[in-house]
């Protein structure tokens, strides 16, 4: 998955805003309630994406894949940084982005 493909997929998840001003080399995707649900690192090759995840799944993914790390920008327990280097398929990355959006926009969500 490249940056354009990730951006296009995220654009179709639902209502959101894009913040390119807050952090250099990052694109923050936020819900209308201003909660971040995805981060794209614009200066990385291969592409790096950060997404919120269920804590148990986040831990499992980190144990299973070298290309899934704890986030450096968000809560390390529930946010993963995914290196898009082929270890996870585009479909799996899309599933994780969809999960992140759903977690952040769920009525139970209180914070990122």
PDB file of N, CA and C in Angstrom:
ATOM      1  N   UNK A   1       0.852  -1.174   0.000  1.00  0.00           N
ATOM      2  CA  UNK A   1       0.000   0.000   0.000  1.00  0.00           C
ATOM      3  C   UNK A   1       0.895   1.234   0.000  1.00  0.00           C
ATOM      4  N   UNK A   2       0.559   2.173  -0.858  1.00  0.00           N
ATOM      5  CA  UNK A   2       1.306   3.424  -0.879  1.00  0.00           C
ATOM      6  C   UNK A   2       0.465   4.540  -0.253  1.00  0.00           C
ATOM      7  N   UNK A   3       1.051   5.729  -0.163  1.00  0.00           N
ATOM      8  CA  UNK A   3       0.385   6.828   0.519  1.00  0.00           C
ATOM      9  C   UNK A   3      -0.926   7.204  -0.160  1.00  0.00           C
ATOM     10  N   UNK A   4      -0.942   7.263  -1.476  1.00  0.00           N
ATOM     11  CA  UNK A   4      -2.158   7.634  -2.196  1.00  0.00           C
ATOM     12  C   UNK A   4      -3.269   6.605  -1.969  1.00  0.00           C
ATOM     13  N   UNK A   5      -2.930   5.324  -2.022  1.00  0.00           N
ATOM     14  CA  UNK A   5      -3.925   4.275  -1.783  1.00  0.00           C
ATOM     15  C   UNK A   5      -4.484   4.360  -0.366  1.00  0.00           C
ATOM     16  N   UNK A   6      -3.614   4.592   0.605  1.00  0.00           N
ATOM     17  CA  UNK A   6      -4.063   4.714   1.994  1.00  0.00           C
ATOM     18  C   UNK A   6      -4.982   5.920   2.145  1.00  0.00           C
ATOM     19  N   UNK A   7      -4.581   7.033   1.566  1.00  0.00           N
ATOM     20  CA  UNK A   7      -5.366   8.261   1.662  1.00  0.00           C
ATOM     21  C   UNK A   7      -6.747   8.055   1.034  1.00  0.00           C
ATOM     22  N   UNK A   8      -6.792   7.433  -0.132  1.00  0.00           N
ATOM     23  CA  UNK A   8      -8.070   7.186  -0.809  1.00  0.00           C
ATOM     24  C   UNK A   8      -8.962   6.246   0.003  1.00  0.00           C
ATOM     25  N   UNK A   9      -8.376   5.219   0.590  1.00  0.00           N
ATOM     26  CA  UNK A   9      -9.174   4.299   1.401  1.00  0.00           C
ATOM     27  C   UNK A   9      -9.746   5.018   2.615  1.00  0.00           C
ATOM     28  N   UNK A  10      -8.909   5.769   3.318  1.00  0.00           N
ATOM     29  CA  UNK A  10      -9.353   6.488   4.506  1.00  0.00           C
ATOM     30  C   UNK A  10     -10.448   7.486   4.149  1.00  0.00           C
ATOM     31  N   UNK A  11     -10.327   8.128   2.998  1.00  0.00           N
ATOM     32  CA  UNK A  11     -11.317   9.118   2.572  1.00  0.00           C
ATOM     33  C   UNK A  11     -12.717   8.519   2.465  1.00  0.00           C
ATOM     34  N   UNK A  12     -12.799   7.229   2.221  1.00  0.00           N
ATOM     35  CA  UNK A  12     -14.098   6.566   2.054  1.00  0.00           C
ATOM     36  C   UNK A  12     -14.634   5.932   3.330  1.00  0.00           C
ATOM     37  N   UNK A  13     -13.926   6.065   4.442  1.00  0.00           N
ATOM     38  CA  UNK A  13     -14.383   5.452   5.688  1.00  0.00           C
ATOM     39  C   UNK A  13     -15.594   6.158   6.281  1.00  0.00           C
ATOM     40  N   UNK A  14     -15.646   7.447   6.133  1.00  0.00           N
ATOM     41  CA  UNK A  14     -16.736   8.216   6.710  1.00  0.00           C
ATOM     42  C   UNK A  14     -16.319   9.660   6.887  1.00  0.00           C
ATOM     43  N   UNK A  15     -17.172  10.425   7.525  1.00  0.00           N
ATOM     44  CA  UNK A  15     -16.927  11.844   7.716  1.00  0.00           C
ATOM     45  C   UNK A  15     -15.661  12.054   8.545  1.00  0.00           C
ATOM     46  N   UNK A  16     -14.798  12.944   8.062  1.00  0.00           N
ATOM     47  CA  UNK A  16     -13.548  13.216   8.757  1.00  0.00           C
ATOM     48  C   UNK A  16     -12.943  14.529   8.272  1.00  0.00           C
ATOM     49  N   UNK A  17     -11.939  14.982   8.995  1.00  0.00           N
ATOM     50  CA  UNK A  17     -11.145  16.126   8.570  1.00  0.00           C
ATOM     51  C   UNK A  17      -9.689  15.668   8.466  1.00  0.00           C
ATOM     52  N   UNK A  18      -8.907  16.471   7.757  1.00  0.00           N
ATOM     53  CA  UNK A  18      -7.486  16.162   7.567  1.00  0.00           C
ATOM     54  C   UNK A  18      -6.675  17.320   8.122  1.00  0.00           C
ATOM     55  N   UNK A  19      -5.711  16.989   8.960  1.00  0.00           N
ATOM     56  CA  UNK A  19      -4.836  17.990   9.570  1.00  0.00           C
ATOM     57  C   UNK A  19      -3.415  17.738   9.093  1.00  0.00           C
ATOM     58  N   UNK A  20      -2.899  18.654   8.297  1.00  0.00           N
ATOM     59  CA  UNK A  20      -1.512  18.557   7.824  1.00  0.00           C
ATOM     60  C   UNK A  20      -0.639  19.627   8.451  1.00  0.00           C
ATOM     61  N   UNK A  21      -1.219  20.449   9.307  1.00  0.00           N
ATOM     62  CA  UNK A  21      -0.512  21.593   9.878  1.00  0.00           C
ATOM     63  C   UNK A  21       0.099  21.319  11.251  1.00  0.00           C
ATOM     64  N   UNK A  22      -0.501  20.425  12.031  1.00  0.00           N
ATOM     65  CA  UNK A  22      -0.094  20.242  13.429  1.00  0.00           C
ATOM     66  C   UNK A  22       1.286  19.624  13.598  1.00  0.00           C
ATOM     67  N   UNK A  23       1.635  18.710  12.722  1.00  0.00           N
ATOM     68  CA  UNK A  23       2.897  17.979  12.875  1.00  0.00           C
ATOM     69  C   UNK A  23       3.574  17.843  11.518  1.00  0.00           C
ATOM     70  N   UNK A  24       4.838  18.168  11.483  1.00  0.00           N
ATOM     71  CA  UNK A  24       5.605  18.043  10.258  1.00  0.00           C
ATOM     72  C   UNK A  24       5.709  16.572   9.853  1.00  0.00           C
ATOM     73  N   UNK A  25       5.532  16.288   8.595  1.00  0.00           N
ATOM     74  CA  UNK A  25       5.660  14.952   8.006  1.00  0.00           C
ATOM     75  C   UNK A  25       4.573  13.971   8.444  1.00  0.00           C
ATOM     76  N   UNK A  26       3.470  14.487   9.016  1.00  0.00           N
ATOM     77  CA  UNK A  26       2.352  13.629   9.399  1.00  0.00           C
ATOM     78  C   UNK A  26       1.058  14.195   8.843  1.00  0.00           C
ATOM     79  N   UNK A  27       0.177  13.303   8.420  1.00  0.00           N
ATOM     80  CA  UNK A  27      -1.195  13.673   8.092  1.00  0.00           C
ATOM     81  C   UNK A  27      -2.075  13.019   9.144  1.00  0.00           C
ATOM     82  N   UNK A  28      -2.831  13.840   9.863  1.00  0.00           N
ATOM     83  CA  UNK A  28      -3.733  13.339  10.899  1.00  0.00           C
ATOM     84  C   UNK A  28      -5.148  13.305  10.340  1.00  0.00           C
ATOM     85  N   UNK A  29      -5.787  12.167  10.456  1.00  0.00           N
ATOM     86  CA  UNK A  29      -7.175  12.015  10.044  1.00  0.00           C
ATOM     87  C   UNK A  29      -8.017  12.018  11.312  1.00  0.00           C
ATOM     88  N   UNK A  30      -8.993  12.956  11.361  1.00  0.00           N
ATOM     89  CA  UNK A  30      -9.774  13.146  12.580  1.00  0.00           C
ATOM     90  C   UNK A  30     -11.264  13.019  12.299  1.00  0.00           C
ATOM     91  N   UNK A  31     -11.965  12.577  13.315  1.00  0.00           N
ATOM     92  CA  UNK A  31     -13.421  12.526  13.242  1.00  0.00           C
ATOM     93  C   UNK A  31     -13.962  13.948  13.365  1.00  0.00           C
ATOM     94  N   UNK A  32     -15.264  14.151  13.072  1.00  0.00           N
ATOM     95  CA  UNK A  32     -15.846  15.480  13.291  1.00  0.00           C
ATOM     96  C   UNK A  32     -15.727  15.941  14.746  1.00  0.00           C
ATOM     97  N   UNK A  33     -15.594  14.994  15.678  1.00  0.00           N
ATOM     98  CA  UNK A  33     -15.405  15.328  17.096  1.00  0.00           C
ATOM     99  C   UNK A  33     -13.938  15.616  17.418  1.00  0.00           C
ATOM    100  N   UNK A  34     -13.100  15.727  16.392  1.00  0.00           N
ATOM    101  CA  UNK A  34     -11.683  16.079  16.513  1.00  0.00           C
ATOM    102  C   UNK A  34     -10.839  14.980  17.159  1.00  0.00           C
ATOM    103  N   UNK A  35     -11.253  13.730  17.034  1.00  0.00           N
ATOM    104  CA  UNK A  35     -10.469  12.607  17.551  1.00  0.00           C
ATOM    105  C   UNK A  35      -9.694  11.967  16.394  1.00  0.00           C
ATOM    106  N   UNK A  36      -8.417  11.759  16.601  1.00  0.00           N
ATOM    107  CA  UNK A  36      -7.565  11.147  15.583  1.00  0.00           C
ATOM    108  C   UNK A  36      -7.910   9.666  15.455  1.00  0.00           C
ATOM    109  N   UNK A  37      -8.050   9.195  14.199  1.00  0.00           N
ATOM    110  CA  UNK A  37      -8.272   7.766  13.985  1.00  0.00           C
ATOM    111  C   UNK A  37      -7.218   7.148  13.069  1.00  0.00           C
ATOM    112  N   UNK A  38      -6.419   7.966  12.402  1.00  0.00           N
ATOM    113  CA  UNK A  38      -5.339   7.431  11.565  1.00  0.00           C
ATOM    114  C   UNK A  38      -4.283   8.512  11.371  1.00  0.00           C
ATOM    115  N   UNK A  39      -3.050   8.054  11.234  1.00  0.00           N
ATOM    116  CA  UNK A  39      -1.921   8.945  10.982  1.00  0.00           C
ATOM    117  C   UNK A  39      -1.103   8.338   9.853  1.00  0.00           C
ATOM    118  N   UNK A  40      -0.790   9.162   8.860  1.00  0.00           N
ATOM    119  CA  UNK A  40       0.105   8.733   7.782  1.00  0.00           C
ATOM    120  C   UNK A  40       1.409   9.517   7.921  1.00  0.00           C
ATOM    121  N   UNK A  41       2.518   8.789   7.896  1.00  0.00           N
ATOM    122  CA  UNK A  41       3.847   9.406   7.919  1.00  0.00           C
ATOM    123  C   UNK A  41       4.226   9.700   6.468  1.00  0.00           C
ATOM    124  N   UNK A  42       4.294  10.969   6.111  1.00  0.00           N
ATOM    125  CA  UNK A  42       4.526  11.339   4.712  1.00  0.00           C
ATOM    126  C   UNK A  42       5.980  11.220   4.283  1.00  0.00           C
ATOM    127  N   UNK A  43       6.887  11.092   5.232  1.00  0.00           N
ATOM    128  CA  UNK A  43       8.316  11.046   4.906  1.00  0.00           C
ATOM    129  C   UNK A  43       8.900   9.639   5.004  1.00  0.00           C
ATOM    130  N   UNK A  44       8.048   8.636   5.076  1.00  0.00           N
ATOM    131  CA  UNK A  44       8.564   7.281   5.282  1.00  0.00           C
ATOM    132  C   UNK A  44       8.520   6.462   3.997  1.00  0.00           C
ATOM    133  N   UNK A  45       9.509   5.622   3.844  1.00  0.00           N
ATOM    134  CA  UNK A  45       9.563   4.686   2.727  1.00  0.00           C
ATOM    135  C   UNK A  45      10.211   3.406   3.238  1.00  0.00           C
ATOM    136  N   UNK A  46       9.440   2.356   3.442  1.00  0.00           N
ATOM    137  CA  UNK A  46       8.036   2.198   3.073  1.00  0.00           C
ATOM    138  C   UNK A  46       7.103   3.031   3.960  1.00  0.00           C
ATOM    139  N   UNK A  47       5.879   3.183   3.476  1.00  0.00           N
ATOM    140  CA  UNK A  47       4.865   3.962   4.170  1.00  0.00           C
ATOM    141  C   UNK A  47       4.637   3.425   5.575  1.00  0.00           C
ATOM    142  N   UNK A  48       4.429   4.346   6.514  1.00  0.00           N
ATOM    143  CA  UNK A  48       4.057   4.004   7.889  1.00  0.00           C
ATOM    144  C   UNK A  48       2.710   4.641   8.185  1.00  0.00           C
ATOM    145  N   UNK A  49       1.838   3.830   8.778  1.00  0.00           N
ATOM    146  CA  UNK A  49       0.504   4.277   9.146  1.00  0.00           C
ATOM    147  C   UNK A  49       0.278   3.919  10.607  1.00  0.00           C
ATOM    148  N   UNK A  50      -0.353   4.816  11.342  1.00  0.00           N
ATOM    149  CA  UNK A  50      -0.718   4.522  12.728  1.00  0.00           C
ATOM    150  C   UNK A  50      -2.235   4.435  12.819  1.00  0.00           C
ATOM    151  N   UNK A  51      -2.708   3.447  13.593  1.00  0.00           N
ATOM    152  CA  UNK A  51      -4.143   3.230  13.732  1.00  0.00           C
ATOM    153  C   UNK A  51      -4.444   2.689  15.125  1.00  0.00           C
ATOM    154  N   UNK A  52      -5.611   3.081  15.633  1.00  0.00           N
ATOM    155  CA  UNK A  52      -6.060   2.583  16.928  1.00  0.00           C
ATOM    156  C   UNK A  52      -6.523   1.145  16.781  1.00  0.00           C
ATOM    157  N   UNK A  53      -6.375   0.365  17.848  1.00  0.00           N
ATOM    158  CA  UNK A  53      -6.694  -1.052  17.789  1.00  0.00           C
ATOM    159  C   UNK A  53      -7.157  -1.513  19.163  1.00  0.00           C
ATOM    160  N   UNK A  54      -7.925  -2.574  19.194  1.00  0.00           N
ATOM    161  CA  UNK A  54      -8.243  -3.226  20.464  1.00  0.00           C
ATOM    162  C   UNK A  54      -6.912  -3.604  21.118  1.00  0.00           C
ATOM    163  N   UNK A  55      -6.794  -3.411  22.419  1.00  0.00           N
ATOM    164  CA  UNK A  55      -5.507  -3.631  23.108  1.00  0.00           C
ATOM    165  C   UNK A  55      -4.980  -5.054  22.954  1.00  0.00           C
ATOM    166  N   UNK A  56      -5.840  -6.032  23.047  1.00  0.00           N
ATOM    167  CA  UNK A  56      -5.390  -7.421  22.918  1.00  0.00           C
ATOM    168  C   UNK A  56      -4.947  -7.714  21.491  1.00  0.00           C
ATOM    169  N   UNK A  57      -5.701  -7.222  20.516  1.00  0.00           N
ATOM    170  CA  UNK A  57      -5.318  -7.409  19.123  1.00  0.00           C
ATOM    171  C   UNK A  57      -4.025  -6.661  18.818  1.00  0.00           C
ATOM    172  N   UNK A  58      -3.874  -5.461  19.363  1.00  0.00           N
ATOM    173  CA  UNK A  58      -2.646  -4.689  19.146  1.00  0.00           C
ATOM    174  C   UNK A  58      -1.424  -5.480  19.605  1.00  0.00           C
ATOM    175  N   UNK A  59      -1.526  -6.062  20.779  1.00  0.00           N
ATOM    176  CA  UNK A  59      -0.419  -6.854  21.324  1.00  0.00           C
ATOM    177  C   UNK A  59      -0.148  -8.088  20.463  1.00  0.00           C
ATOM    178  N   UNK A  60      -1.198  -8.777  20.061  1.00  0.00           N
ATOM    179  CA  UNK A  60      -1.053  -9.963  19.220  1.00  0.00           C
ATOM    180  C   UNK A  60      -0.381  -9.630  17.890  1.00  0.00           C
ATOM    181  N   UNK A  61      -0.787  -8.535  17.259  1.00  0.00           N
ATOM    182  CA  UNK A  61      -0.200  -8.141  15.979  1.00  0.00           C
ATOM    183  C   UNK A  61       1.286  -7.813  16.127  1.00  0.00           C
ATOM    184  N   UNK A  62       1.648  -7.158  17.215  1.00  0.00           N
ATOM    185  CA  UNK A  62       3.062  -6.825  17.455  1.00  0.00           C
ATOM    186  C   UNK A  62       3.900  -8.076  17.670  1.00  0.00           C
ATOM    187  N   UNK A  63       3.318  -9.062  18.335  1.00  0.00           N
ATOM    188  CA  UNK A  63       4.044 -10.316  18.573  1.00  0.00           C
ATOM    189  C   UNK A  63       4.197 -11.120  17.284  1.00  0.00           C
ATOM    190  N   UNK A  64       3.225 -11.025  16.411  1.00  0.00           N
ATOM    191  CA  UNK A  64       3.199 -11.839  15.199  1.00  0.00           C
ATOM    192  C   UNK A  64       3.986 -11.228  14.039  1.00  0.00           C
ATOM    193  N   UNK A  65       3.992  -9.900  13.948  1.00  0.00           N
ATOM    194  CA  UNK A  65       4.580  -9.233  12.780  1.00  0.00           C
ATOM    195  C   UNK A  65       5.665  -8.242  13.190  1.00  0.00           C
ATOM    196  N   UNK A  66       6.805  -8.341  12.535  1.00  0.00           N
ATOM    197  CA  UNK A  66       7.891  -7.381  12.768  1.00  0.00           C
ATOM    198  C   UNK A  66       7.512  -5.996  12.278  1.00  0.00           C
ATOM    199  N   UNK A  67       6.592  -5.926  11.330  1.00  0.00           N
ATOM    200  CA  UNK A  67       6.209  -4.645  10.725  1.00  0.00           C
ATOM    201  C   UNK A  67       5.086  -3.935  11.487  1.00  0.00           C
ATOM    202  N   UNK A  68       4.707  -4.460  12.644  1.00  0.00           N
ATOM    203  CA  UNK A  68       3.711  -3.800  13.493  1.00  0.00           C
ATOM    204  C   UNK A  68       4.378  -3.461  14.818  1.00  0.00           C
ATOM    205  N   UNK A  69       4.431  -2.167  15.103  1.00  0.00           N
ATOM    206  CA  UNK A  69       5.116  -1.659  16.291  1.00  0.00           C
ATOM    207  C   UNK A  69       4.150  -0.845  17.143  1.00  0.00           C
ATOM    208  N   UNK A  70       4.522  -0.608  18.383  1.00  0.00           N
ATOM    209  CA  UNK A  70       3.752   0.306  19.218  1.00  0.00           C
ATOM    210  C   UNK A  70       3.919   1.718  18.663  1.00  0.00           C
ATOM    211  N   UNK A  71       2.858   2.485  18.704  1.00  0.00           N
ATOM    212  CA  UNK A  71       2.881   3.861  18.209  1.00  0.00           C
ATOM    213  C   UNK A  71       3.848   4.720  19.016  1.00  0.00           C
ATOM    214  N   UNK A  72       4.517   5.631  18.333  1.00  0.00           N
ATOM    215  CA  UNK A  72       5.360   6.613  19.013  1.00  0.00           C
ATOM    216  C   UNK A  72       4.613   7.921  19.257  1.00  0.00           C
ATOM    217  N   UNK A  73       3.447   8.082  18.637  1.00  0.00           N
ATOM    218  CA  UNK A  73       2.715   9.334  18.721  1.00  0.00           C
ATOM    219  C   UNK A  73       1.450   9.258  19.567  1.00  0.00           C
ATOM    220  N   UNK A  74       0.939   8.058  19.777  1.00  0.00           N
ATOM    221  CA  UNK A  74      -0.324   7.881  20.478  1.00  0.00           C
ATOM    222  C   UNK A  74      -0.121   6.867  21.609  1.00  0.00           C
ATOM    223  N   UNK A  75      -1.208   6.502  22.278  1.00  0.00           N
ATOM    224  CA  UNK A  75      -1.166   5.531  23.374  1.00  0.00           C
ATOM    225  C   UNK A  75      -0.581   4.204  22.874  1.00  0.00           C
ATOM    226  N   UNK A  76       0.542   3.810  23.440  1.00  0.00           N
ATOM    227  CA  UNK A  76       1.245   2.612  22.980  1.00  0.00           C
ATOM    228  C   UNK A  76       0.465   1.323  23.198  1.00  0.00           C
ATOM    229  N   UNK A  77      -0.470   1.316  24.129  1.00  0.00           N
ATOM    230  CA  UNK A  77      -1.232   0.096  24.401  1.00  0.00           C
ATOM    231  C   UNK A  77      -2.313  -0.151  23.368  1.00  0.00           C
ATOM    232  N   UNK A  78      -2.863   0.909  22.783  1.00  0.00           N
ATOM    233  CA  UNK A  78      -3.983   0.709  21.879  1.00  0.00           C
ATOM    234  C   UNK A  78      -3.772   1.306  20.487  1.00  0.00           C
ATOM    235  N   UNK A  79      -2.564   1.746  20.197  1.00  0.00           N
ATOM    236  CA  UNK A  79      -2.253   2.265  18.862  1.00  0.00           C
ATOM    237  C   UNK A  79      -1.030   1.538  18.316  1.00  0.00           C
ATOM    238  N   UNK A  80      -1.123   1.122  17.062  1.00  0.00           N
ATOM    239  CA  UNK A  80      -0.021   0.464  16.373  1.00  0.00           C
ATOM    240  C   UNK A  80       0.491   1.332  15.243  1.00  0.00           C
ATOM    241  N   UNK A  81       1.771   1.207  14.984  1.00  0.00           N
ATOM    242  CA  UNK A  81       2.379   1.776  13.787  1.00  0.00           C
ATOM    243  C   UNK A  81       2.652   0.617  12.843  1.00  0.00           C
ATOM    244  N   UNK A  82       2.095   0.698  11.654  1.00  0.00           N
ATOM    245  CA  UNK A  82       2.193  -0.376  10.665  1.00  0.00           C
ATOM    246  C   UNK A  82       3.148   0.064   9.568  1.00  0.00           C
ATOM    247  N   UNK A  83       4.169  -0.734   9.342  1.00  0.00           N
ATOM    248  CA  UNK A  83       5.104  -0.487   8.251  1.00  0.00           C
ATOM    249  C   UNK A  83       4.580  -1.261   7.045  1.00  0.00           C
ATOM    250  N   UNK A  84       4.214  -0.531   6.010  1.00  0.00           N
ATOM    251  CA  UNK A  84       3.596  -1.146   4.823  1.00  0.00           C
ATOM    252  C   UNK A  84       4.683  -1.685   3.894  1.00  0.00           C
ATOM    253  N   UNK A  85       5.281  -2.789   4.304  1.00  0.00           N
ATOM    254  CA  UNK A  85       6.397  -3.365   3.561  1.00  0.00           C
ATOM    255  C   UNK A  85       6.056  -4.739   2.989  1.00  0.00           C
ATOM    256  N   UNK A  86       4.774  -5.113   3.029  1.00  0.00           N
ATOM    257  CA  UNK A  86       4.368  -6.371   2.430  1.00  0.00           C
ATOM    258  C   UNK A  86       4.076  -7.488   3.403  1.00  0.00           C
ATOM    259  N   UNK A  87       4.438  -7.323   4.662  1.00  0.00           N
ATOM    260  CA  UNK A  87       4.165  -8.379   5.630  1.00  0.00           C
ATOM    261  C   UNK A  87       2.660  -8.506   5.872  1.00  0.00           C
ATOM    262  N   UNK A  88       1.965  -7.381   5.944  1.00  0.00           N
ATOM    263  CA  UNK A  88       0.500  -7.357   6.011  1.00  0.00           C
ATOM    264  C   UNK A  88      -0.011  -7.004   4.623  1.00  0.00           C
ATOM    265  N   UNK A  89      -1.081  -7.654   4.198  1.00  0.00           N
ATOM    266  CA  UNK A  89      -1.664  -7.348   2.895  1.00  0.00           C
ATOM    267  C   UNK A  89      -2.384  -6.006   2.947  1.00  0.00           C
ATOM    268  N   UNK A  90      -2.647  -5.432   1.780  1.00  0.00           N
ATOM    269  CA  UNK A  90      -3.401  -4.183   1.724  1.00  0.00           C
ATOM    270  C   UNK A  90      -4.767  -4.362   2.384  1.00  0.00           C
ATOM    271  N   UNK A  91      -5.388  -5.515   2.194  1.00  0.00           N
ATOM    272  CA  UNK A  91      -6.698  -5.780   2.782  1.00  0.00           C
ATOM    273  C   UNK A  91      -6.629  -5.808   4.307  1.00  0.00           C
ATOM    274  N   UNK A  92      -5.563  -6.378   4.850  1.00  0.00           N
ATOM    275  CA  UNK A  92      -5.399  -6.405   6.304  1.00  0.00           C
ATOM    276  C   UNK A  92      -5.178  -4.990   6.852  1.00  0.00           C
ATOM    277  N   UNK A  93      -4.412  -4.197   6.140  1.00  0.00           N
ATOM    278  CA  UNK A  93      -4.191  -2.813   6.557  1.00  0.00           C
ATOM    279  C   UNK A  93      -5.510  -2.039   6.496  1.00  0.00           C
ATOM    280  N   UNK A  94      -6.263  -2.257   5.448  1.00  0.00           N
ATOM    281  CA  UNK A  94      -7.570  -1.611   5.331  1.00  0.00           C
ATOM    282  C   UNK A  94      -8.491  -2.030   6.471  1.00  0.00           C
ATOM    283  N   UNK A  95      -8.467  -3.301   6.829  1.00  0.00           N
ATOM    284  CA  UNK A  95      -9.275  -3.774   7.963  1.00  0.00           C
ATOM    285  C   UNK A  95      -8.878  -3.065   9.251  1.00  0.00           C
ATOM    286  N   UNK A  96      -7.576  -2.861   9.456  1.00  0.00           N
ATOM    287  CA  UNK A  96      -7.103  -2.186  10.664  1.00  0.00           C
ATOM    288  C   UNK A  96      -7.485  -0.703  10.662  1.00  0.00           C
ATOM    289  N   UNK A  97      -7.452  -0.071   9.507  1.00  0.00           N
ATOM    290  CA  UNK A  97      -7.894   1.321   9.408  1.00  0.00           C
ATOM    291  C   UNK A  97      -9.395   1.437   9.665  1.00  0.00           C
ATOM    292  N   UNK A  98     -10.159   0.521   9.123  1.00  0.00           N
ATOM    293  CA  UNK A  98     -11.611   0.500   9.351  1.00  0.00           C
ATOM    294  C   UNK A  98     -11.908   0.287  10.833  1.00  0.00           C
ATOM    295  N   UNK A  99     -11.195  -0.648  11.462  1.00  0.00           N
ATOM    296  CA  UNK A  99     -11.368  -0.898  12.893  1.00  0.00           C
ATOM    297  C   UNK A  99     -11.054   0.368  13.689  1.00  0.00           C
ATOM    298  N   UNK A 100      -9.972   1.044  13.349  1.00  0.00           N
ATOM    299  CA  UNK A 100      -9.589   2.257  14.048  1.00  0.00           C
ATOM    300  C   UNK A 100     -10.694   3.303  13.949  1.00  0.00           C
ATOM    301  N   UNK A 101     -11.202   3.511  12.755  1.00  0.00           N
ATOM    302  CA  UNK A 101     -12.281   4.491  12.566  1.00  0.00           C
ATOM    303  C   UNK A 101     -13.493   4.110  13.409  1.00  0.00           C
ATOM    304  N   UNK A 102     -13.854   2.837  13.375  1.00  0.00           N
ATOM    305  CA  UNK A 102     -15.021   2.375  14.137  1.00  0.00           C
ATOM    306  C   UNK A 102     -14.813   2.511  15.645  1.00  0.00           C
ATOM    307  N   UNK A 103     -13.618   2.215  16.113  1.00  0.00           N
ATOM    308  CA  UNK A 103     -13.333   2.357  17.547  1.00  0.00           C
ATOM    309  C   UNK A 103     -13.443   3.811  18.002  1.00  0.00           C
ATOM    310  N   UNK A 104     -12.909   4.710  17.198  1.00  0.00           N
ATOM    311  CA  UNK A 104     -12.893   6.120  17.575  1.00  0.00           C
ATOM    312  C   UNK A 104     -14.264   6.761  17.431  1.00  0.00           C
ATOM    313  N   UNK A 105     -15.079   6.288  16.491  1.00  0.00           N
ATOM    314  CA  UNK A 105     -16.390   6.901  16.272  1.00  0.00           C
ATOM    315  C   UNK A 105     -17.515   6.194  17.025  1.00  0.00           C
ATOM    316  N   UNK A 106     -17.192   5.112  17.731  1.00  0.00           N
ATOM    317  CA  UNK A 106     -18.232   4.406  18.480  1.00  0.00           C
ATOM    318  C   UNK A 106     -18.759   5.282  19.604  1.00  0.00           C
ATOM    319  N   UNK A 107     -20.022   5.111  19.973  1.00  0.00           N
ATOM    320  CA  UNK A 107     -20.581   5.919  21.065  1.00  0.00           C
ATOM    321  C   UNK A 107     -19.838   5.773  22.387  1.00  0.00           C
ATOM    322  N   UNK A 108     -19.172   4.643  22.603  1.00  0.00           N
ATOM    323  CA  UNK A 108     -18.443   4.403  23.848  1.00  0.00           C
ATOM    324  C   UNK A 108     -17.084   5.096  23.887  1.00  0.00           C
ATOM    325  N   UNK A 109     -16.613   5.564  22.734  1.00  0.00           N
ATOM    326  CA  UNK A 109     -15.273   6.157  22.660  1.00  0.00           C
ATOM    327  C   UNK A 109     -15.239   7.494  23.389  1.00  0.00           C
ATOM    328  N   UNK A 110     -14.255   7.626  24.283  1.00  0.00           N
ATOM    329  CA  UNK A 110     -14.120   8.862  25.054  1.00  0.00           C
ATOM    330  C   UNK A 110     -12.883   9.651  24.649  1.00  0.00           C
ATOM    331  N   UNK A 111     -11.820   8.940  24.216  1.00  0.00           N
ATOM    332  CA  UNK A 111     -10.585   9.626  23.851  1.00  0.00           C
ATOM    333  C   UNK A 111      -9.766   8.764  22.924  1.00  0.00           C
ATOM    334  N   UNK A 112      -8.764   9.379  22.289  1.00  0.00           N
ATOM    335  CA  UNK A 112      -7.865   8.639  21.414  1.00  0.00           C
ATOM    336  C   UNK A 112      -6.841   7.957  22.245  1.00  0.00           C
TER     337      UNK A 112
END
